[in-house]
Amino acid sequence: MTLFLSLSIVIIYYDWLILNNPSGTTKQELNYFVNSHIELKICADLCNGKKHYKLNRTRTGEQPELNGKNWTIVTFTKETGKPVTFFNKYEIIHYKNKYDALELAESCIELWRNKIREMALKAI
């Protein structure tokens, strides 16, 4: 759930910046920014696909899918008595390519951080 929330927040940046944008960056410029990065396009299609169930149009040409099961196992070692946690990784499948979902989300967040910094400097 935390992963999907992180991916959703990445797209919320786009929606918020269209409505609250002191830098004067246009919606067309934000669309160009998103469409210039495969990570942001995949994230947008994944989140919008989950939000609307099915997309009639995509940024990438295909609706990506989130693959993986959310499970965590915590156990304790006999030797030290310290907890050990095992967890499953999620991946995003797009055109038969597999992307680590956490890495994709982190990359998207970094792209938006840089863009927001750029927009903040433009607003000064």
PDB file of N, CA and C in Angstrom:
ATOM      1  N   MET A   1       0.824  -1.193   0.000  1.00  0.00           N
ATOM      2  CA  MET A   1       0.000   0.000   0.000  1.00  0.00           C
ATOM      3  C   MET A   1       0.865   1.253   0.000  1.00  0.00           C
ATOM      4  N   THR A   2       1.942   1.253   0.755  1.00  0.00           N
ATOM      5  CA  THR A   2       2.823   2.412   0.808  1.00  0.00           C
ATOM      6  C   THR A   2       3.419   2.692  -0.564  1.00  0.00           C
ATOM      7  N   LEU A   3       3.778   1.645  -1.308  1.00  0.00           N
ATOM      8  CA  LEU A   3       4.335   1.825  -2.635  1.00  0.00           C
ATOM      9  C   LEU A   3       3.332   2.494  -3.559  1.00  0.00           C
ATOM     10  N   PHE A   4       2.089   2.009  -3.566  1.00  0.00           N
ATOM     11  CA  PHE A   4       1.087   2.603  -4.443  1.00  0.00           C
ATOM     12  C   PHE A   4       0.820   4.047  -4.053  1.00  0.00           C
ATOM     13  N   LEU A   5       0.840   4.336  -2.759  1.00  0.00           N
ATOM     14  CA  LEU A   5       0.679   5.713  -2.298  1.00  0.00           C
ATOM     15  C   LEU A   5       1.819   6.580  -2.813  1.00  0.00           C
ATOM     16  N   SER A   6       3.042   6.081  -2.762  1.00  0.00           N
ATOM     17  CA  SER A   6       4.190   6.834  -3.284  1.00  0.00           C
ATOM     18  C   SER A   6       4.034   7.109  -4.775  1.00  0.00           C
ATOM     19  N   LEU A   7       3.609   6.107  -5.523  1.00  0.00           N
ATOM     20  CA  LEU A   7       3.400   6.295  -6.956  1.00  0.00           C
ATOM     21  C   LEU A   7       2.286   7.296  -7.227  1.00  0.00           C
ATOM     22  N   SER A   8       1.239   7.242  -6.422  1.00  0.00           N
ATOM     23  CA  SER A   8       0.123   8.180  -6.586  1.00  0.00           C
ATOM     24  C   SER A   8       0.546   9.612  -6.302  1.00  0.00           C
ATOM     25  N   ILE A   9       1.349   9.805  -5.280  1.00  0.00           N
ATOM     26  CA  ILE A   9       1.812  11.147  -4.931  1.00  0.00           C
ATOM     27  C   ILE A   9       2.609  11.754  -6.077  1.00  0.00           C
ATOM     28  N   VAL A  10       3.356  10.921  -6.788  1.00  0.00           N
ATOM     29  CA  VAL A  10       4.127  11.406  -7.928  1.00  0.00           C
ATOM     30  C   VAL A  10       3.212  12.059  -8.962  1.00  0.00           C
ATOM     31  N   ILE A  11       2.045  11.495  -9.187  1.00  0.00           N
ATOM     32  CA  ILE A  11       1.109  12.049 -10.158  1.00  0.00           C
ATOM     33  C   ILE A  11       0.326  13.203  -9.558  1.00  0.00           C
ATOM     34  N   ILE A  12       0.113  13.183  -8.267  1.00  0.00           N
ATOM     35  CA  ILE A  12      -0.560  14.307  -7.613  1.00  0.00           C
ATOM     36  C   ILE A  12       0.262  15.581  -7.778  1.00  0.00           C
ATOM     37  N   TYR A  13       1.599  15.463  -7.783  1.00  0.00           N
ATOM     38  CA  TYR A  13       2.440  16.638  -8.043  1.00  0.00           C
ATOM     39  C   TYR A  13       1.981  17.339  -9.312  1.00  0.00           C
ATOM     40  N   TYR A  14       1.798  16.573 -10.358  1.00  0.00           N
ATOM     41  CA  TYR A  14       1.386  17.133 -11.655  1.00  0.00           C
ATOM     42  C   TYR A  14       0.067  17.884 -11.510  1.00  0.00           C
ATOM     43  N   ASP A  15      -0.934  17.252 -10.922  1.00  0.00           N
ATOM     44  CA  ASP A  15      -2.253  17.874 -10.772  1.00  0.00           C
ATOM     45  C   ASP A  15      -2.176  19.142  -9.936  1.00  0.00           C
ATOM     46  N   TRP A  16      -1.438  19.101  -8.850  1.00  0.00           N
ATOM     47  CA  TRP A  16      -1.333  20.274  -7.977  1.00  0.00           C
ATOM     48  C   TRP A  16      -0.594  21.420  -8.660  1.00  0.00           C
ATOM     49  N   LEU A  17       0.462  21.087  -9.389  1.00  0.00           N
ATOM     50  CA  LEU A  17       1.249  22.141 -10.021  1.00  0.00           C
ATOM     51  C   LEU A  17       0.478  22.840 -11.137  1.00  0.00           C
ATOM     52  N   ILE A  18      -0.458  22.158 -11.733  1.00  0.00           N
ATOM     53  CA  ILE A  18      -1.306  22.820 -12.735  1.00  0.00           C
ATOM     54  C   ILE A  18      -2.158  23.883 -12.063  1.00  0.00           C
ATOM     55  N   LEU A  19      -2.655  23.583 -10.869  1.00  0.00           N
ATOM     56  CA  LEU A  19      -3.570  24.497 -10.179  1.00  0.00           C
ATOM     57  C   LEU A  19      -2.865  25.526  -9.305  1.00  0.00           C
ATOM     58  N   ASN A  20      -1.706  25.213  -8.787  1.00  0.00           N
ATOM     59  CA  ASN A  20      -0.995  26.107  -7.880  1.00  0.00           C
ATOM     60  C   ASN A  20       0.437  26.255  -8.375  1.00  0.00           C
ATOM     61  N   ASN A  21       0.645  27.266  -9.220  1.00  0.00           N
ATOM     62  CA  ASN A  21       1.893  27.349  -9.932  1.00  0.00           C
ATOM     63  C   ASN A  21       2.358  28.799 -10.048  1.00  0.00           C
ATOM     64  N   PRO A  22       3.039  29.318  -9.032  1.00  0.00           N
ATOM     65  CA  PRO A  22       3.488  30.715  -9.080  1.00  0.00           C
ATOM     66  C   PRO A  22       4.579  30.986 -10.114  1.00  0.00           C
ATOM     67  N   SER A  23       5.179  29.927 -10.679  1.00  0.00           N
ATOM     68  CA  SER A  23       6.258  30.119 -11.645  1.00  0.00           C
ATOM     69  C   SER A  23       5.746  30.471 -13.036  1.00  0.00           C
ATOM     70  N   GLY A  24       4.463  30.244 -13.279  1.00  0.00           N
ATOM     71  CA  GLY A  24       3.913  30.507 -14.608  1.00  0.00           C
ATOM     72  C   GLY A  24       4.125  29.366 -15.586  1.00  0.00           C
ATOM     73  N   THR A  25       4.634  28.237 -15.117  1.00  0.00           N
ATOM     74  CA  THR A  25       4.809  27.075 -15.984  1.00  0.00           C
ATOM     75  C   THR A  25       3.433  26.610 -16.449  1.00  0.00           C
ATOM     76  N   THR A  26       3.277  26.403 -17.740  1.00  0.00           N
ATOM     77  CA  THR A  26       1.965  26.061 -18.298  1.00  0.00           C
ATOM     78  C   THR A  26       1.684  24.557 -18.197  1.00  0.00           C
ATOM     79  N   LYS A  27       0.439  24.201 -18.369  1.00  0.00           N
ATOM     80  CA  LYS A  27       0.042  22.797 -18.388  1.00  0.00           C
ATOM     81  C   LYS A  27       0.758  22.077 -19.533  1.00  0.00           C
ATOM     82  N   GLN A  28       0.903  22.750 -20.651  1.00  0.00           N
ATOM     83  CA  GLN A  28       1.602  22.147 -21.795  1.00  0.00           C
ATOM     84  C   GLN A  28       3.064  21.862 -21.450  1.00  0.00           C
ATOM     85  N   GLU A  29       3.702  22.775 -20.718  1.00  0.00           N
ATOM     86  CA  GLU A  29       5.091  22.556 -20.297  1.00  0.00           C
ATOM     87  C   GLU A  29       5.194  21.387 -19.321  1.00  0.00           C
ATOM     88  N   LEU A  30       4.213  21.273 -18.406  1.00  0.00           N
ATOM     89  CA  LEU A  30       4.218  20.146 -17.468  1.00  0.00           C
ATOM     90  C   LEU A  30       3.974  18.831 -18.209  1.00  0.00           C
ATOM     91  N   ASN A  31       3.073  18.843 -19.193  1.00  0.00           N
ATOM     92  CA  ASN A  31       2.849  17.643 -20.004  1.00  0.00           C
ATOM     93  C   ASN A  31       4.117  17.253 -20.754  1.00  0.00           C
ATOM     94  N   TYR A  32       4.810  18.226 -21.302  1.00  0.00           N
ATOM     95  CA  TYR A  32       6.055  17.955 -22.010  1.00  0.00           C
ATOM     96  C   TYR A  32       7.074  17.332 -21.051  1.00  0.00           C
ATOM     97  N   PHE A  33       7.155  17.875 -19.839  1.00  0.00           N
ATOM     98  CA  PHE A  33       8.071  17.334 -18.825  1.00  0.00           C
ATOM     99  C   PHE A  33       7.746  15.871 -18.526  1.00  0.00           C
ATOM    100  N   VAL A  34       6.473  15.580 -18.239  1.00  0.00           N
ATOM    101  CA  VAL A  34       6.075  14.195 -17.925  1.00  0.00           C
ATOM    102  C   VAL A  34       6.353  13.289 -19.124  1.00  0.00           C
ATOM    103  N   ASN A  35       5.977  13.747 -20.310  1.00  0.00           N
ATOM    104  CA  ASN A  35       6.135  12.909 -21.504  1.00  0.00           C
ATOM    105  C   ASN A  35       7.587  12.753 -21.949  1.00  0.00           C
ATOM    106  N   SER A  36       8.497  13.507 -21.356  1.00  0.00           N
ATOM    107  CA  SER A  36       9.924  13.400 -21.678  1.00  0.00           C
ATOM    108  C   SER A  36      10.634  12.342 -20.837  1.00  0.00           C
ATOM    109  N   HIS A  37       9.936  11.755 -19.883  1.00  0.00           N
ATOM    110  CA  HIS A  37      10.552  10.784 -18.969  1.00  0.00           C
ATOM    111  C   HIS A  37       9.693   9.527 -18.907  1.00  0.00           C
ATOM    112  N   ILE A  38      10.236   8.414 -19.351  1.00  0.00           N
ATOM    113  CA  ILE A  38       9.481   7.161 -19.360  1.00  0.00           C
ATOM    114  C   ILE A  38       8.996   6.789 -17.966  1.00  0.00           C
ATOM    115  N   GLU A  39       9.792   7.098 -16.939  1.00  0.00           N
ATOM    116  CA  GLU A  39       9.391   6.771 -15.571  1.00  0.00           C
ATOM    117  C   GLU A  39       8.091   7.482 -15.200  1.00  0.00           C
ATOM    118  N   LEU A  40       8.009   8.774 -15.521  1.00  0.00           N
ATOM    119  CA  LEU A  40       6.805   9.547 -15.191  1.00  0.00           C
ATOM    120  C   LEU A  40       5.611   9.103 -16.033  1.00  0.00           C
ATOM    121  N   LYS A  41       5.861   8.759 -17.285  1.00  0.00           N
ATOM    122  CA  LYS A  41       4.760   8.291 -18.142  1.00  0.00           C
ATOM    123  C   LYS A  41       4.193   6.969 -17.633  1.00  0.00           C
ATOM    124  N   ILE A  42       5.081   6.043 -17.264  1.00  0.00           N
ATOM    125  CA  ILE A  42       4.619   4.747 -16.735  1.00  0.00           C
ATOM    126  C   ILE A  42       3.844   4.966 -15.445  1.00  0.00           C
ATOM    127  N   CYS A  43       4.375   5.802 -14.568  1.00  0.00           N
ATOM    128  CA  CYS A  43       3.718   6.080 -13.291  1.00  0.00           C
ATOM    129  C   CYS A  43       2.341   6.712 -13.527  1.00  0.00           C
ATOM    130  N   ALA A  44       2.270   7.662 -14.445  1.00  0.00           N
ATOM    131  CA  ALA A  44       0.992   8.317 -14.753  1.00  0.00           C
ATOM    132  C   ALA A  44      -0.022   7.301 -15.268  1.00  0.00           C
ATOM    133  N   ASP A  45       0.389   6.457 -16.186  1.00  0.00           N
ATOM    134  CA  ASP A  45      -0.533   5.459 -16.734  1.00  0.00           C
ATOM    135  C   ASP A  45      -0.953   4.434 -15.684  1.00  0.00           C
ATOM    136  N   LEU A  46      -0.013   4.021 -14.839  1.00  0.00           N
ATOM    137  CA  LEU A  46      -0.340   3.058 -13.784  1.00  0.00           C
ATOM    138  C   LEU A  46      -1.366   3.648 -12.825  1.00  0.00           C
ATOM    139  N   CYS A  47      -1.105   4.851 -12.322  1.00  0.00           N
ATOM    140  CA  CYS A  47      -1.999   5.469 -11.332  1.00  0.00           C
ATOM    141  C   CYS A  47      -3.347   5.844 -11.934  1.00  0.00           C
ATOM    142  N   ASN A  48      -3.334   6.418 -13.117  1.00  0.00           N
ATOM    143  CA  ASN A  48      -4.610   6.761 -13.754  1.00  0.00           C
ATOM    144  C   ASN A  48      -5.401   5.506 -14.121  1.00  0.00           C
ATOM    145  N   GLY A  49      -4.702   4.444 -14.492  1.00  0.00           N
ATOM    146  CA  GLY A  49      -5.378   3.180 -14.778  1.00  0.00           C
ATOM    147  C   GLY A  49      -6.043   2.593 -13.546  1.00  0.00           C
ATOM    148  N   LYS A  50      -5.346   2.677 -12.400  1.00  0.00           N
ATOM    149  CA  LYS A  50      -5.948   2.191 -11.150  1.00  0.00           C
ATOM    150  C   LYS A  50      -7.113   3.085 -10.727  1.00  0.00           C
ATOM    151  N   LYS A  51      -6.969   4.381 -10.932  1.00  0.00           N
ATOM    152  CA  LYS A  51      -8.018   5.327 -10.543  1.00  0.00           C
ATOM    153  C   LYS A  51      -9.290   5.141 -11.395  1.00  0.00           C
ATOM    154  N   HIS A  52      -9.112   4.973 -12.685  1.00  0.00           N
ATOM    155  CA  HIS A  52     -10.255   4.899 -13.609  1.00  0.00           C
ATOM    156  C   HIS A  52     -10.574   3.469 -14.052  1.00  0.00           C
ATOM    157  N   TYR A  53      -9.898   2.494 -13.541  1.00  0.00           N
ATOM    158  CA  TYR A  53     -10.019   1.075 -13.853  1.00  0.00           C
ATOM    159  C   TYR A  53      -9.409   0.741 -15.209  1.00  0.00           C
ATOM    160  N   LYS A  54      -9.744   1.492 -16.248  1.00  0.00           N
ATOM    161  CA  LYS A  54      -9.215   1.249 -17.580  1.00  0.00           C
ATOM    162  C   LYS A  54      -8.998   2.587 -18.265  1.00  0.00           C
ATOM    163  N   LEU A  55      -7.888   2.694 -18.976  1.00  0.00           N
ATOM    164  CA  LEU A  55      -7.590   3.935 -19.670  1.00  0.00           C
ATOM    165  C   LEU A  55      -8.012   3.855 -21.129  1.00  0.00           C
ATOM    166  N   ASN A  56      -8.625   4.921 -21.605  1.00  0.00           N
ATOM    167  CA  ASN A  56      -8.960   5.014 -23.031  1.00  0.00           C
ATOM    168  C   ASN A  56      -7.773   5.534 -23.826  1.00  0.00           C
ATOM    169  N   ARG A  57      -6.930   6.321 -23.166  1.00  0.00           N
ATOM    170  CA  ARG A  57      -5.701   6.802 -23.804  1.00  0.00           C
ATOM    171  C   ARG A  57      -4.596   6.765 -22.755  1.00  0.00           C
ATOM    172  N   THR A  58      -3.426   6.467 -23.207  1.00  0.00           N
ATOM    173  CA  THR A  58      -2.288   6.371 -22.306  1.00  0.00           C
ATOM    174  C   THR A  58      -1.166   7.269 -22.811  1.00  0.00           C
ATOM    175  N   ARG A  59      -0.240   7.551 -21.935  1.00  0.00           N
ATOM    176  CA  ARG A  59       0.954   8.305 -22.332  1.00  0.00           C
ATOM    177  C   ARG A  59       1.974   7.379 -22.984  1.00  0.00           C
ATOM    178  N   THR A  60       1.905   6.085 -22.658  1.00  0.00           N
ATOM    179  CA  THR A  60       2.922   5.133 -23.114  1.00  0.00           C
ATOM    180  C   THR A  60       2.434   4.189 -24.203  1.00  0.00           C
ATOM    181  N   GLY A  61       1.141   4.149 -24.452  1.00  0.00           N
ATOM    182  CA  GLY A  61       0.611   3.236 -25.456  1.00  0.00           C
ATOM    183  C   GLY A  61       0.067   1.943 -24.869  1.00  0.00           C
ATOM    184  N   GLU A  62       0.342   1.674 -23.614  1.00  0.00           N
ATOM    185  CA  GLU A  62      -0.145   0.459 -22.957  1.00  0.00           C
ATOM    186  C   GLU A  62      -0.300   0.728 -21.472  1.00  0.00           C
ATOM    187  N   GLN A  63      -1.335   0.154 -20.890  1.00  0.00           N
ATOM    188  CA  GLN A  63      -1.551   0.339 -19.459  1.00  0.00           C
ATOM    189  C   GLN A  63      -0.623  -0.583 -18.673  1.00  0.00           C
ATOM    190  N   PRO A  64       0.291  -0.016 -17.872  1.00  0.00           N
ATOM    191  CA  PRO A  64       1.198  -0.847 -17.070  1.00  0.00           C
ATOM    192  C   PRO A  64       0.436  -1.578 -15.958  1.00  0.00           C
ATOM    193  N   GLU A  65       1.029  -2.651 -15.484  1.00  0.00           N
ATOM    194  CA  GLU A  65       0.426  -3.427 -14.398  1.00  0.00           C
ATOM    195  C   GLU A  65       1.402  -3.549 -13.242  1.00  0.00           C
ATOM    196  N   LEU A  66       0.865  -3.457 -12.029  1.00  0.00           N
ATOM    197  CA  LEU A  66       1.653  -3.655 -10.823  1.00  0.00           C
ATOM    198  C   LEU A  66       1.610  -5.141 -10.487  1.00  0.00           C
ATOM    199  N   ASN A  67       2.771  -5.757 -10.349  1.00  0.00           N
ATOM    200  CA  ASN A  67       2.851  -7.191 -10.121  1.00  0.00           C
ATOM    201  C   ASN A  67       3.593  -7.446  -8.818  1.00  0.00           C
ATOM    202  N   GLY A  68       3.050  -8.323  -8.016  1.00  0.00           N
ATOM    203  CA  GLY A  68       3.700  -8.699  -6.766  1.00  0.00           C
ATOM    204  C   GLY A  68       2.658  -8.871  -5.685  1.00  0.00           C
ATOM    205  N   LYS A  69       3.047  -9.540  -4.669  1.00  0.00           N
ATOM    206  CA  LYS A  69       2.146  -9.741  -3.544  1.00  0.00           C
ATOM    207  C   LYS A  69       2.701  -9.026  -2.335  1.00  0.00           C
ATOM    208  N   ASN A  70       1.817  -8.440  -1.571  1.00  0.00           N
ATOM    209  CA  ASN A  70       2.248  -7.694  -0.400  1.00  0.00           C
ATOM    210  C   ASN A  70       2.299  -8.637   0.794  1.00  0.00           C
ATOM    211  N   TRP A  71       3.475  -9.057   1.127  1.00  0.00           N
ATOM    212  CA  TRP A  71       3.618  -9.885   2.314  1.00  0.00           C
ATOM    213  C   TRP A  71       4.919  -9.551   3.012  1.00  0.00           C
ATOM    214  N   THR A  72       4.884  -9.693   4.292  1.00  0.00           N
ATOM    215  CA  THR A  72       6.065  -9.479   5.126  1.00  0.00           C
ATOM    216  C   THR A  72       6.100 -10.579   6.173  1.00  0.00           C
ATOM    217  N   ILE A  73       7.269 -11.130   6.385  1.00  0.00           N
ATOM    218  CA  ILE A  73       7.450 -12.150   7.413  1.00  0.00           C
ATOM    219  C   ILE A  73       8.505 -11.644   8.384  1.00  0.00           C
ATOM    220  N   VAL A  74       8.160 -11.637   9.640  1.00  0.00           N
ATOM    221  CA  VAL A  74       9.129 -11.270  10.675  1.00  0.00           C
ATOM    222  C   VAL A  74       9.370 -12.502  11.532  1.00  0.00           C
ATOM    223  N   THR A  75      10.615 -12.837  11.686  1.00  0.00           N
ATOM    224  CA  THR A  75      10.966 -13.987  12.513  1.00  0.00           C
ATOM    225  C   THR A  75      12.150 -13.593  13.387  1.00  0.00           C
ATOM    226  N   PHE A  76      12.466 -14.414  14.351  1.00  0.00           N
ATOM    227  CA  PHE A  76      13.578 -14.123  15.253  1.00  0.00           C
ATOM    228  C   PHE A  76      14.627 -15.211  15.108  1.00  0.00           C
ATOM    229  N   THR A  77      15.880 -14.805  15.081  1.00  0.00           N
ATOM    230  CA  THR A  77      16.954 -15.785  14.967  1.00  0.00           C
ATOM    231  C   THR A  77      17.209 -16.434  16.329  1.00  0.00           C
ATOM    232  N   LYS A  78      17.552 -17.693  16.292  1.00  0.00           N
ATOM    233  CA  LYS A  78      17.843 -18.408  17.531  1.00  0.00           C
ATOM    234  C   LYS A  78      19.122 -17.893  18.176  1.00  0.00           C
ATOM    235  N   GLU A  79      20.098 -17.570  17.340  1.00  0.00           N
ATOM    236  CA  GLU A  79      21.407 -17.179  17.850  1.00  0.00           C
ATOM    237  C   GLU A  79      21.351 -15.858  18.616  1.00  0.00           C
ATOM    238  N   THR A  80      20.725 -14.845  18.020  1.00  0.00           N
ATOM    239  CA  THR A  80      20.778 -13.519  18.637  1.00  0.00           C
ATOM    240  C   THR A  80      19.434 -13.076  19.220  1.00  0.00           C
ATOM    241  N   GLY A  81      18.371 -13.713  18.802  1.00  0.00           N
ATOM    242  CA  GLY A  81      17.047 -13.306  19.251  1.00  0.00           C
ATOM    243  C   GLY A  81      16.561 -12.022  18.595  1.00  0.00           C
ATOM    244  N   LYS A  82      17.323 -11.530  17.610  1.00  0.00           N
ATOM    245  CA  LYS A  82      16.941 -10.295  16.919  1.00  0.00           C
ATOM    246  C   LYS A  82      15.970 -10.612  15.780  1.00  0.00           C
ATOM    247  N   PRO A  83      15.072  -9.666  15.523  1.00  0.00           N
ATOM    248  CA  PRO A  83      14.109  -9.907  14.435  1.00  0.00           C
ATOM    249  C   PRO A  83      14.766  -9.797  13.061  1.00  0.00           C
ATOM    250  N   VAL A  84      14.283 -10.619  12.151  1.00  0.00           N
ATOM    251  CA  VAL A  84      14.693 -10.586  10.750  1.00  0.00           C
ATOM    252  C   VAL A  84      13.411 -10.437   9.935  1.00  0.00           C
ATOM    253  N   THR A  85      13.406  -9.486   9.001  1.00  0.00           N
ATOM    254  CA  THR A  85      12.212  -9.235   8.211  1.00  0.00           C
ATOM    255  C   THR A  85      12.463  -9.614   6.761  1.00  0.00           C
ATOM    256  N   PHE A  86      11.527 -10.324   6.169  1.00  0.00           N
ATOM    257  CA  PHE A  86      11.553 -10.664   4.754  1.00  0.00           C
ATOM    258  C   PHE A  86      10.346  -9.987   4.110  1.00  0.00           C
ATOM    259  N   PHE A  87      10.527  -9.469   2.910  1.00  0.00           N
ATOM    260  CA  PHE A  87       9.406  -8.836   2.232  1.00  0.00           C
ATOM    261  C   PHE A  87       9.500  -9.080   0.733  1.00  0.00           C
ATOM    262  N   ASN A  88       8.396  -8.891   0.058  1.00  0.00           N
ATOM    263  CA  ASN A  88       8.309  -9.105  -1.375  1.00  0.00           C
ATOM    264  C   ASN A  88       8.502  -7.785  -2.115  1.00  0.00           C
ATOM    265  N   LYS A  89       9.157  -7.831  -3.235  1.00  0.00           N
ATOM    266  CA  LYS A  89       9.321  -6.646  -4.064  1.00  0.00           C
ATOM    267  C   LYS A  89       8.198  -6.603  -5.106  1.00  0.00           C
ATOM    268  N   TYR A  90       7.778  -5.395  -5.400  1.00  0.00           N
ATOM    269  CA  TYR A  90       6.808  -5.188  -6.468  1.00  0.00           C
ATOM    270  C   TYR A  90       7.541  -4.811  -7.738  1.00  0.00           C
ATOM    271  N   GLU A  91       6.965  -5.191  -8.857  1.00  0.00           N
ATOM    272  CA  GLU A  91       7.499  -4.748 -10.126  1.00  0.00           C
ATOM    273  C   GLU A  91       6.353  -4.248 -10.989  1.00  0.00           C
ATOM    274  N   ILE A  92       6.690  -3.391 -11.910  1.00  0.00           N
ATOM    275  CA  ILE A  92       5.717  -2.866 -12.857  1.00  0.00           C
ATOM    276  C   ILE A  92       6.053  -3.470 -14.206  1.00  0.00           C
ATOM    277  N   ILE A  93       5.044  -4.055 -14.824  1.00  0.00           N
ATOM    278  CA  ILE A  93       5.239  -4.678 -16.133  1.00  0.00           C
ATOM    279  C   ILE A  93       4.639  -3.764 -17.181  1.00  0.00           C
ATOM    280  N   HIS A  94       5.465  -3.438 -18.174  1.00  0.00           N
ATOM    281  CA  HIS A  94       5.038  -2.553 -19.248  1.00  0.00           C
ATOM    282  C   HIS A  94       5.696  -3.024 -20.540  1.00  0.00           C
ATOM    283  N   TYR A  95       4.878  -3.393 -21.513  1.00  0.00           N
ATOM    284  CA  TYR A  95       5.399  -3.949 -22.776  1.00  0.00           C
ATOM    285  C   TYR A  95       6.412  -5.061 -22.521  1.00  0.00           C
ATOM    286  N   LYS A  96       6.083  -5.963 -21.622  1.00  0.00           N
ATOM    287  CA  LYS A  96       6.916  -7.116 -21.254  1.00  0.00           C
ATOM    288  C   LYS A  96       8.226  -6.722 -20.572  1.00  0.00           C
ATOM    289  N   ASN A  97       8.450  -5.443 -20.347  1.00  0.00           N
ATOM    290  CA  ASN A  97       9.607  -4.992 -19.569  1.00  0.00           C
ATOM    291  C   ASN A  97       9.204  -4.951 -18.108  1.00  0.00           C
ATOM    292  N   LYS A  98      10.137  -5.290 -17.241  1.00  0.00           N
ATOM    293  CA  LYS A  98       9.878  -5.265 -15.808  1.00  0.00           C
ATOM    294  C   LYS A  98      10.704  -4.166 -15.160  1.00  0.00           C
ATOM    295  N   TYR A  99      10.037  -3.354 -14.352  1.00  0.00           N
ATOM    296  CA  TYR A  99      10.690  -2.269 -13.625  1.00  0.00           C
ATOM    297  C   TYR A  99      10.482  -2.503 -12.140  1.00  0.00           C
ATOM    298  N   ASP A 100      11.518  -2.333 -11.347  1.00  0.00           N
ATOM    299  CA  ASP A 100      11.365  -2.384  -9.899  1.00  0.00           C
ATOM    300  C   ASP A 100      10.503  -1.192  -9.492  1.00  0.00           C
ATOM    301  N   ALA A 101       9.373  -1.450  -8.866  1.00  0.00           N
ATOM    302  CA  ALA A 101       8.406  -0.390  -8.571  1.00  0.00           C
ATOM    303  C   ALA A 101       8.967   0.656  -7.609  1.00  0.00           C
ATOM    304  N   LEU A 102       9.722   0.227  -6.622  1.00  0.00           N
ATOM    305  CA  LEU A 102      10.293   1.184  -5.678  1.00  0.00           C
ATOM    306  C   LEU A 102      11.327   2.081  -6.361  1.00  0.00           C
ATOM    307  N   GLU A 103      12.177   1.490  -7.185  1.00  0.00           N
ATOM    308  CA  GLU A 103      13.174   2.282  -7.914  1.00  0.00           C
ATOM    309  C   GLU A 103      12.496   3.269  -8.856  1.00  0.00           C
ATOM    310  N   LEU A 104      11.431   2.835  -9.513  1.00  0.00           N
ATOM    311  CA  LEU A 104      10.695   3.718 -10.412  1.00  0.00           C
ATOM    312  C   LEU A 104      10.092   4.888  -9.635  1.00  0.00           C
ATOM    313  N   ALA A 105       9.489   4.603  -8.491  1.00  0.00           N
ATOM    314  CA  ALA A 105       8.891   5.665  -7.668  1.00  0.00           C
ATOM    315  C   ALA A 105       9.967   6.642  -7.197  1.00  0.00           C
ATOM    316  N   GLU A 106      11.114   6.123  -6.746  1.00  0.00           N
ATOM    317  CA  GLU A 106      12.196   7.004  -6.287  1.00  0.00           C
ATOM    318  C   GLU A 106      12.722   7.872  -7.426  1.00  0.00           C
ATOM    319  N   SER A 107      12.832   7.301  -8.605  1.00  0.00           N
ATOM    320  CA  SER A 107      13.285   8.064  -9.763  1.00  0.00           C
ATOM    321  C   SER A 107      12.290   9.174 -10.106  1.00  0.00           C
ATOM    322  N   CYS A 108      11.006   8.860 -10.059  1.00  0.00           N
ATOM    323  CA  CYS A 108       9.962   9.859 -10.333  1.00  0.00           C
ATOM    324  C   CYS A 108       9.996  10.987  -9.310  1.00  0.00           C
ATOM    325  N   ILE A 109      10.161  10.639  -8.064  1.00  0.00           N
ATOM    326  CA  ILE A 109      10.207  11.662  -7.008  1.00  0.00           C
ATOM    327  C   ILE A 109      11.402  12.579  -7.222  1.00  0.00           C
ATOM    328  N   GLU A 110      12.543  12.018  -7.590  1.00  0.00           N
ATOM    329  CA  GLU A 110      13.728  12.840  -7.848  1.00  0.00           C
ATOM    330  C   GLU A 110      13.522  13.747  -9.059  1.00  0.00           C
ATOM    331  N   LEU A 111      12.899  13.234 -10.109  1.00  0.00           N
ATOM    332  CA  LEU A 111      12.603  14.072 -11.276  1.00  0.00           C
ATOM    333  C   LEU A 111      11.718  15.256 -10.883  1.00  0.00           C
ATOM    334  N   TRP A 112      10.668  14.981 -10.082  1.00  0.00           N
ATOM    335  CA  TRP A 112       9.785  16.058  -9.648  1.00  0.00           C
ATOM    336  C   TRP A 112      10.489  17.036  -8.721  1.00  0.00           C
ATOM    337  N   ARG A 113      11.351  16.545  -7.839  1.00  0.00           N
ATOM    338  CA  ARG A 113      12.116  17.458  -6.961  1.00  0.00           C
ATOM    339  C   ARG A 113      12.904  18.462  -7.788  1.00  0.00           C
ATOM    340  N   ASN A 114      13.583  17.953  -8.808  1.00  0.00           N
ATOM    341  CA  ASN A 114      14.381  18.828  -9.662  1.00  0.00           C
ATOM    342  C   ASN A 114      13.496  19.811 -10.418  1.00  0.00           C
ATOM    343  N   LYS A 115      12.372  19.342 -10.916  1.00  0.00           N
ATOM    344  CA  LYS A 115      11.460  20.211 -11.663  1.00  0.00           C
ATOM    345  C   LYS A 115      10.881  21.292 -10.747  1.00  0.00           C
ATOM    346  N   ILE A 116      10.502  20.920  -9.544  1.00  0.00           N
ATOM    347  CA  ILE A 116       9.937  21.889  -8.601  1.00  0.00           C
ATOM    348  C   ILE A 116      10.990  22.928  -8.211  1.00  0.00           C
ATOM    349  N   ARG A 117      12.229  22.500  -8.025  1.00  0.00           N
ATOM    350  CA  ARG A 117      13.315  23.461  -7.754  1.00  0.00           C
ATOM    351  C   ARG A 117      13.465  24.443  -8.918  1.00  0.00           C
ATOM    352  N   GLU A 118      13.455  23.901 -10.121  1.00  0.00           N
ATOM    353  CA  GLU A 118      13.552  24.740 -11.323  1.00  0.00           C
ATOM    354  C   GLU A 118      12.398  25.742 -11.384  1.00  0.00           C
ATOM    355  N   MET A 119      11.189  25.272 -11.086  1.00  0.00           N
ATOM    356  CA  MET A 119      10.030  26.148 -11.116  1.00  0.00           C
ATOM    357  C   MET A 119      10.102  27.205 -10.015  1.00  0.00           C
ATOM    358  N   ALA A 120      10.634  26.828  -8.853  1.00  0.00           N
ATOM    359  CA  ALA A 120      10.761  27.787  -7.749  1.00  0.00           C
ATOM    360  C   ALA A 120      11.737  28.890  -8.122  1.00  0.00           C
ATOM    361  N   LEU A 121      12.833  28.528  -8.774  1.00  0.00           N
ATOM    362  CA  LEU A 121      13.805  29.544  -9.199  1.00  0.00           C
ATOM    363  C   LEU A 121      13.200  30.463 -10.264  1.00  0.00           C
ATOM    364  N   LYS A 122      12.377  29.900 -11.121  1.00  0.00           N
ATOM    365  CA  LYS A 122      11.712  30.673 -12.162  1.00  0.00           C
ATOM    366  C   LYS A 122      10.717  31.675 -11.549  1.00  0.00           C
ATOM    367  N   ALA A 123      10.144  31.322 -10.411  1.00  0.00           N
ATOM    368  CA  ALA A 123       9.133  32.171  -9.762  1.00  0.00           C
ATOM    369  C   ALA A 123       9.748  33.356  -9.041  1.00  0.00           C
ATOM    370  N   ILE A 124      11.049  33.298  -8.788  1.00  0.00           N
ATOM    371  CA  ILE A 124      11.717  34.378  -8.031  1.00  0.00           C
ATOM    372  C   ILE A 124      11.869  35.619  -8.894  1.00  0.00           C
TER     373      ILE A 124
END
